[in-house]
Amino acid sequence: MDSSYVTPILLTAGMTAANDWYQGKGVNFKALLGGGIAVGIAAVLAEIPGMAPVVAGIAWIAFVAALVVPAQQGQKTPLDTLLSIAQGK
C-alpha cells in the first residue's frame, strides 16, 4: 500500500483548521473530521490498481488549492495568514 496521499490530506485539514483558529474563529473540527474522512476515501480509492499515484496527485492539488484559495469570500487564505505572521502583522 502506498500512503503518499496521507500527508497532503492531513496537511490540508490541519492548515485549514489552524487558519480558522488563528483568525479567531475557534477550532474548526469540521475540517479535521473532513480530513479524516478524506483519508479513508483515498485509502479505498488507492487500492484500485494503478490509482495510488492519481490519488496522491489529487491530494497534492487539493493542498495547493487550499493554500491559495479562500474557503469563503472575504476570508484570508492560509497563505495570506502565513505572510502576515512572517511580516509581524
N, C-alpha and C. Protein backbone atom coordinates (compact mmCIF):
# COMPACT_ATOMS: atom_id res chain seq x y z
N MET A 1 0.84 -1.19 0.00
CA MET A 1 0.00 0.00 0.00
C MET A 1 0.88 1.24 0.00
N ASP A 2 0.59 2.13 -0.91
CA ASP A 2 1.32 3.39 -0.99
C ASP A 2 0.53 4.46 -0.24
N SER A 3 1.14 5.04 0.78
CA SER A 3 0.40 6.02 1.60
C SER A 3 0.87 7.45 1.33
N SER A 4 1.30 7.72 0.11
CA SER A 4 1.79 9.06 -0.20
C SER A 4 0.66 10.10 -0.26
N TYR A 5 -0.57 9.67 -0.17
CA TYR A 5 -1.70 10.59 -0.19
C TYR A 5 -2.07 11.08 1.20
N VAL A 6 -1.60 10.42 2.24
CA VAL A 6 -2.00 10.77 3.61
C VAL A 6 -1.44 12.13 4.02
N THR A 7 -0.18 12.38 3.71
CA THR A 7 0.46 13.62 4.13
C THR A 7 -0.25 14.86 3.59
N PRO A 8 -0.50 14.98 2.28
CA PRO A 8 -1.15 16.21 1.81
C PRO A 8 -2.58 16.37 2.32
N ILE A 9 -3.29 15.27 2.52
CA ILE A 9 -4.66 15.39 3.03
C ILE A 9 -4.65 15.89 4.47
N LEU A 10 -3.78 15.32 5.30
CA LEU A 10 -3.72 15.78 6.69
C LEU A 10 -3.16 17.19 6.79
N LEU A 11 -2.22 17.55 5.92
CA LEU A 11 -1.72 18.93 5.89
C LEU A 11 -2.84 19.91 5.53
N THR A 12 -3.66 19.53 4.56
CA THR A 12 -4.77 20.40 4.15
C THR A 12 -5.76 20.60 5.29
N ALA A 13 -6.13 19.51 5.94
CA ALA A 13 -7.09 19.61 7.04
C ALA A 13 -6.52 20.42 8.20
N GLY A 14 -5.28 20.13 8.58
CA GLY A 14 -4.65 20.86 9.68
C GLY A 14 -4.44 22.33 9.36
N MET A 15 -4.04 22.62 8.13
CA MET A 15 -3.82 24.01 7.72
C MET A 15 -5.12 24.79 7.75
N THR A 16 -6.20 24.18 7.29
CA THR A 16 -7.50 24.85 7.30
C THR A 16 -7.97 25.12 8.72
N ALA A 17 -7.84 24.13 9.58
CA ALA A 17 -8.27 24.30 10.98
C ALA A 17 -7.41 25.35 11.68
N ALA A 18 -6.10 25.31 11.45
CA ALA A 18 -5.21 26.28 12.09
C ALA A 18 -5.46 27.69 11.59
N ASN A 19 -5.77 27.83 10.31
CA ASN A 19 -6.05 29.16 9.75
C ASN A 19 -7.31 29.75 10.38
N ASP A 20 -8.35 28.94 10.52
CA ASP A 20 -9.57 29.42 11.17
C ASP A 20 -9.30 29.79 12.63
N TRP A 21 -8.53 28.96 13.33
CA TRP A 21 -8.21 29.26 14.73
C TRP A 21 -7.41 30.55 14.85
N TYR A 22 -6.42 30.74 13.97
CA TYR A 22 -5.58 31.94 14.04
C TYR A 22 -6.39 33.20 13.76
N GLN A 23 -7.40 33.09 12.92
CA GLN A 23 -8.24 34.25 12.61
C GLN A 23 -9.32 34.49 13.66
N GLY A 24 -9.29 33.72 14.75
CA GLY A 24 -10.20 33.96 15.86
C GLY A 24 -11.55 33.29 15.73
N LYS A 25 -11.67 32.29 14.88
CA LYS A 25 -12.95 31.62 14.69
C LYS A 25 -13.05 30.32 15.48
N GLY A 26 -12.07 30.04 16.31
CA GLY A 26 -12.08 28.79 17.08
C GLY A 26 -11.55 27.63 16.25
N VAL A 27 -11.51 26.48 16.88
CA VAL A 27 -11.01 25.29 16.19
C VAL A 27 -12.09 24.76 15.26
N ASN A 28 -11.72 24.53 14.02
CA ASN A 28 -12.66 24.04 13.01
C ASN A 28 -12.62 22.51 13.00
N PHE A 29 -13.47 21.90 13.81
CA PHE A 29 -13.48 20.44 13.89
C PHE A 29 -14.03 19.80 12.63
N LYS A 30 -14.86 20.55 11.88
CA LYS A 30 -15.38 20.00 10.63
C LYS A 30 -14.26 19.77 9.63
N ALA A 31 -13.26 20.64 9.60
CA ALA A 31 -12.12 20.46 8.69
C ALA A 31 -11.31 19.24 9.09
N LEU A 32 -11.12 19.04 10.39
CA LEU A 32 -10.36 17.88 10.86
C LEU A 32 -11.12 16.58 10.59
N LEU A 33 -12.41 16.58 10.83
CA LEU A 33 -13.22 15.41 10.55
C LEU A 33 -13.25 15.12 9.05
N GLY A 34 -13.39 16.18 8.25
CA GLY A 34 -13.36 16.01 6.79
C GLY A 34 -12.04 15.45 6.30
N GLY A 35 -10.95 15.86 6.92
CA GLY A 35 -9.64 15.32 6.56
C GLY A 35 -9.55 13.83 6.86
N GLY A 36 -10.08 13.43 8.00
CA GLY A 36 -10.08 12.02 8.35
C GLY A 36 -10.92 11.19 7.40
N ILE A 37 -12.08 11.71 7.03
CA ILE A 37 -12.94 11.02 6.08
C ILE A 37 -12.27 10.96 4.71
N ALA A 38 -11.61 12.05 4.32
CA ALA A 38 -10.92 12.07 3.02
C ALA A 38 -9.79 11.05 2.97
N VAL A 39 -9.08 10.87 4.07
CA VAL A 39 -8.02 9.85 4.11
C VAL A 39 -8.63 8.46 3.94
N GLY A 40 -9.75 8.21 4.57
CA GLY A 40 -10.42 6.92 4.42
C GLY A 40 -10.87 6.66 2.99
N ILE A 41 -11.47 7.67 2.36
CA ILE A 41 -11.91 7.52 0.97
C ILE A 41 -10.71 7.34 0.06
N ALA A 42 -9.64 8.10 0.31
CA ALA A 42 -8.43 7.98 -0.51
C ALA A 42 -7.81 6.60 -0.36
N ALA A 43 -7.87 6.03 0.84
CA ALA A 43 -7.31 4.69 1.06
C ALA A 43 -8.07 3.65 0.24
N VAL A 44 -9.38 3.80 0.17
CA VAL A 44 -10.18 2.87 -0.62
C VAL A 44 -9.86 3.04 -2.11
N LEU A 45 -9.79 4.27 -2.57
CA LEU A 45 -9.50 4.52 -3.99
C LEU A 45 -8.09 4.08 -4.36
N ALA A 46 -7.14 4.22 -3.45
CA ALA A 46 -5.75 3.86 -3.73
C ALA A 46 -5.57 2.35 -3.88
N GLU A 47 -6.52 1.57 -3.38
CA GLU A 47 -6.43 0.12 -3.52
C GLU A 47 -6.76 -0.35 -4.93
N ILE A 48 -7.38 0.49 -5.74
CA ILE A 48 -7.64 0.15 -7.14
C ILE A 48 -6.29 0.14 -7.85
N PRO A 49 -5.97 -0.92 -8.59
CA PRO A 49 -4.66 -1.00 -9.24
C PRO A 49 -4.37 0.21 -10.13
N GLY A 50 -3.22 0.83 -9.89
CA GLY A 50 -2.79 1.98 -10.67
C GLY A 50 -3.32 3.32 -10.21
N MET A 51 -4.16 3.34 -9.19
CA MET A 51 -4.78 4.59 -8.75
C MET A 51 -4.01 5.31 -7.65
N ALA A 52 -3.05 4.66 -7.00
CA ALA A 52 -2.34 5.29 -5.89
C ALA A 52 -1.64 6.58 -6.31
N PRO A 53 -0.93 6.62 -7.46
CA PRO A 53 -0.31 7.90 -7.85
C PRO A 53 -1.33 8.96 -8.22
N VAL A 54 -2.46 8.55 -8.75
CA VAL A 54 -3.52 9.50 -9.11
C VAL A 54 -4.11 10.12 -7.85
N VAL A 55 -4.37 9.28 -6.86
CA VAL A 55 -4.93 9.77 -5.59
C VAL A 55 -3.94 10.72 -4.92
N ALA A 56 -2.65 10.38 -4.95
CA ALA A 56 -1.64 11.25 -4.35
C ALA A 56 -1.58 12.59 -5.10
N GLY A 57 -1.66 12.55 -6.41
CA GLY A 57 -1.65 13.79 -7.20
C GLY A 57 -2.84 14.68 -6.89
N ILE A 58 -4.01 14.07 -6.78
CA ILE A 58 -5.22 14.84 -6.44
C ILE A 58 -5.09 15.44 -5.05
N ALA A 59 -4.51 14.68 -4.12
CA ALA A 59 -4.33 15.18 -2.75
C ALA A 59 -3.40 16.39 -2.73
N TRP A 60 -2.30 16.35 -3.49
CA TRP A 60 -1.38 17.49 -3.52
C TRP A 60 -2.01 18.69 -4.22
N ILE A 61 -2.80 18.46 -5.25
CA ILE A 61 -3.51 19.57 -5.92
C ILE A 61 -4.48 20.22 -4.94
N ALA A 62 -5.18 19.40 -4.15
CA ALA A 62 -6.10 19.94 -3.15
C ALA A 62 -5.36 20.76 -2.10
N PHE A 63 -4.16 20.32 -1.71
CA PHE A 63 -3.37 21.07 -0.73
C PHE A 63 -2.99 22.45 -1.27
N VAL A 64 -2.50 22.49 -2.51
CA VAL A 64 -2.11 23.78 -3.10
C VAL A 64 -3.32 24.68 -3.27
N ALA A 65 -4.45 24.11 -3.69
CA ALA A 65 -5.67 24.91 -3.85
C ALA A 65 -6.13 25.47 -2.50
N ALA A 66 -6.09 24.67 -1.45
CA ALA A 66 -6.49 25.15 -0.12
C ALA A 66 -5.54 26.21 0.40
N LEU A 67 -4.30 26.18 -0.05
CA LEU A 67 -3.30 27.16 0.40
C LEU A 67 -3.55 28.54 -0.20
N VAL A 68 -4.01 28.60 -1.44
CA VAL A 68 -4.09 29.89 -2.13
C VAL A 68 -5.51 30.39 -2.40
N VAL A 69 -6.52 29.55 -2.21
CA VAL A 69 -7.90 29.94 -2.49
C VAL A 69 -8.65 30.09 -1.17
N PRO A 70 -9.32 31.22 -0.94
CA PRO A 70 -10.06 31.37 0.32
C PRO A 70 -11.24 30.41 0.38
N ALA A 71 -11.51 29.88 1.57
CA ALA A 71 -12.62 28.95 1.76
C ALA A 71 -13.96 29.66 1.60
N GLN A 72 -14.02 30.92 2.03
CA GLN A 72 -15.23 31.72 1.92
C GLN A 72 -14.84 33.11 1.44
N GLN A 73 -15.77 33.75 0.78
CA GLN A 73 -15.49 35.09 0.28
C GLN A 73 -15.21 36.04 1.46
N GLY A 74 -14.15 36.80 1.34
CA GLY A 74 -13.77 37.74 2.38
C GLY A 74 -12.86 37.16 3.44
N GLN A 75 -12.63 35.86 3.41
CA GLN A 75 -11.77 35.21 4.40
C GLN A 75 -10.33 35.21 3.88
N LYS A 76 -9.38 35.36 4.79
CA LYS A 76 -7.97 35.31 4.41
C LYS A 76 -7.58 33.87 4.10
N THR A 77 -6.73 33.71 3.08
CA THR A 77 -6.23 32.38 2.76
C THR A 77 -5.14 31.99 3.75
N PRO A 78 -4.83 30.71 3.88
CA PRO A 78 -3.71 30.32 4.73
C PRO A 78 -2.40 30.97 4.30
N LEU A 79 -2.21 31.18 3.00
CA LEU A 79 -1.00 31.85 2.53
C LEU A 79 -0.96 33.29 3.01
N ASP A 80 -2.10 33.99 2.96
CA ASP A 80 -2.16 35.36 3.48
C ASP A 80 -1.83 35.40 4.98
N THR A 81 -2.35 34.43 5.71
CA THR A 81 -2.09 34.35 7.15
C THR A 81 -0.61 34.11 7.41
N LEU A 82 0.00 33.19 6.66
CA LEU A 82 1.43 32.93 6.83
C LEU A 82 2.26 34.16 6.52
N LEU A 83 1.89 34.88 5.47
CA LEU A 83 2.64 36.09 5.11
C LEU A 83 2.51 37.17 6.18
N SER A 84 1.31 37.31 6.76
CA SER A 84 1.14 38.33 7.81
C SER A 84 1.90 37.95 9.06
N ILE A 85 1.99 36.65 9.37
CA ILE A 85 2.79 36.21 10.52
C ILE A 85 4.26 36.48 10.26
N ALA A 86 4.72 36.18 9.06
CA ALA A 86 6.13 36.39 8.72
C ALA A 86 6.51 37.86 8.74
N GLN A 87 5.56 38.73 8.39
CA GLN A 87 5.84 40.16 8.38
C GLN A 87 5.61 40.79 9.75
N GLY A 88 5.13 40.05 10.69
CA GLY A 88 4.92 40.55 12.04
C GLY A 88 3.69 41.40 12.20
N LYS A 89 2.68 41.20 11.38
CA LYS A 89 1.45 41.99 11.47
C LYS A 89 0.40 41.28 12.27
